[in-house]
Amino acid sequence: MSEVKVRIQYSGLARNLAGKQSEEISLSEGASVREMLGCLVERYGADFRAALLTSDWRLRRYARIMLGDTNIDEASGLDTKLMTDSDASIIVMIDQIIGGG
């Protein structure tokens, strides 16, 4: 099976938790955003997961994942399929977490 390469840019709290600004990962062809996040959670741990996802694996309201110019919420959410040479941006705005709202 062939692979999909995903270039990931981290912003906000996601950047702090990943400890880097960007990286490239490879996933199986046909992989979804959910599978990409599973790989990243495995790599960066529970704090990374908790910043992005609820306990039932829904994207937190202050977290955004973009594929190119498309917010995944406007596509198929976490089930959005990754295309070959996808550009993903993971954004977690820390000021909204601290705000308690």
Protein backbone atom coordinates (compact mmCIF):
# COMPACT_ATOMS: atom_id res chain seq x y z
CA MET A 1 0.00 0.00 0.00
CA SER A 2 1.31 3.45 -0.79
CA GLU A 3 1.74 6.26 1.68
CA VAL A 4 0.45 9.78 2.11
CA LYS A 5 2.93 12.41 3.27
CA VAL A 6 1.46 15.12 5.47
CA ARG A 7 3.26 18.36 6.27
CA ILE A 8 2.05 19.62 9.64
CA GLN A 9 2.40 23.17 10.96
CA TYR A 10 1.74 23.65 14.68
CA SER A 11 0.48 26.88 16.24
CA GLY A 12 -0.35 28.00 19.75
CA LEU A 13 -0.40 25.36 22.47
CA ALA A 14 -0.02 22.57 19.89
CA ARG A 15 3.41 23.99 19.00
CA ASN A 16 4.46 24.04 22.65
CA LEU A 17 3.29 20.48 23.27
CA ALA A 18 4.87 19.08 20.11
CA GLY A 19 8.07 20.97 20.83
CA LYS A 20 8.41 22.01 17.20
CA GLN A 21 6.93 24.33 14.63
CA SER A 22 6.44 21.76 11.89
CA GLU A 23 7.13 18.22 10.77
CA GLU A 24 6.29 15.75 8.02
CA ILE A 25 4.75 12.36 8.73
CA SER A 26 3.80 9.42 6.51
CA LEU A 27 0.51 7.55 6.84
CA SER A 28 -1.16 4.80 4.86
CA GLU A 29 -3.01 5.88 1.74
CA GLY A 30 -6.64 6.62 2.59
CA ALA A 31 -5.81 7.72 6.14
CA SER A 32 -8.07 10.25 7.83
CA VAL A 33 -7.41 13.24 10.07
CA ARG A 34 -8.45 10.98 12.98
CA GLU A 35 -5.64 8.53 12.10
CA MET A 36 -3.16 11.40 11.77
CA LEU A 37 -4.14 12.61 15.25
CA GLY A 38 -3.81 9.07 16.61
CA CYS A 39 -0.24 8.99 15.33
CA LEU A 40 0.52 12.40 16.86
CA VAL A 41 -1.08 11.50 20.21
CA GLU A 42 1.05 8.36 20.30
CA ARG A 43 4.11 10.51 19.65
CA TYR A 44 3.34 13.48 21.95
CA GLY A 45 1.21 11.94 24.69
CA ALA A 46 -1.87 12.59 26.78
CA ASP A 47 -1.34 16.35 27.19
CA PHE A 48 -1.29 16.79 23.40
CA ARG A 49 -4.51 14.73 23.11
CA ALA A 50 -6.22 16.63 25.91
CA ALA A 51 -5.39 19.99 24.29
CA LEU A 52 -6.97 18.96 20.98
CA LEU A 53 -9.62 16.38 21.76
CA THR A 54 -12.35 15.61 24.26
CA SER A 55 -12.37 12.23 26.01
CA ASP A 56 -14.67 10.86 23.27
CA TRP A 57 -12.29 12.07 20.52
CA ARG A 58 -14.15 15.17 19.35
CA LEU A 59 -12.17 18.22 18.39
CA ARG A 60 -12.26 20.84 21.15
CA ARG A 61 -14.05 24.07 20.26
CA TYR A 62 -10.86 26.15 20.52
CA ALA A 63 -8.81 23.76 18.34
CA ARG A 64 -8.72 24.03 14.55
CA ILE A 65 -7.31 21.67 11.97
CA MET A 66 -6.90 23.00 8.46
CA LEU A 67 -6.11 20.97 5.36
CA GLY A 68 -4.80 23.54 2.95
CA ASP A 69 -7.39 26.34 3.10
CA THR A 70 -10.22 24.08 4.33
CA ASN A 71 -11.27 23.80 7.96
CA ILE A 72 -11.99 20.09 8.53
CA ASP A 73 -15.25 21.12 10.25
CA GLU A 74 -16.43 22.21 6.80
CA ALA A 75 -15.50 18.83 5.30
CA SER A 76 -15.98 15.47 7.07
CA GLY A 77 -14.51 16.50 10.42
CA LEU A 78 -12.02 14.02 11.87
CA ASP A 79 -13.04 11.53 9.17
CA THR A 80 -11.76 13.84 6.41
CA LYS A 81 -9.40 11.85 4.19
CA LEU A 82 -5.84 13.04 3.72
CA MET A 83 -4.67 13.44 0.15
CA THR A 84 -1.17 12.83 -1.16
CA ASP A 85 1.15 15.64 -0.10
CA SER A 86 -1.43 17.23 2.22
CA ASP A 87 -0.62 20.36 4.18
CA ALA A 88 -2.20 20.31 7.64
CA SER A 89 -2.23 23.07 10.22
CA ILE A 90 -3.04 22.26 13.83
CA ILE A 91 -3.98 25.32 15.85
CA VAL A 92 -4.79 25.42 19.57
CA MET A 93 -5.38 28.90 20.93
CA ILE A 94 -4.09 28.83 24.51
CA ASP A 95 -5.70 32.12 25.55
CA GLN A 96 -9.14 30.54 25.13
CA ILE A 97 -8.14 27.67 27.44
CA ILE A 98 -6.96 30.07 30.15
CA GLY A 99 -10.06 32.23 29.73
CA GLY A 100 -12.19 29.44 31.19
CA GLY A 101 -15.07 30.22 28.82
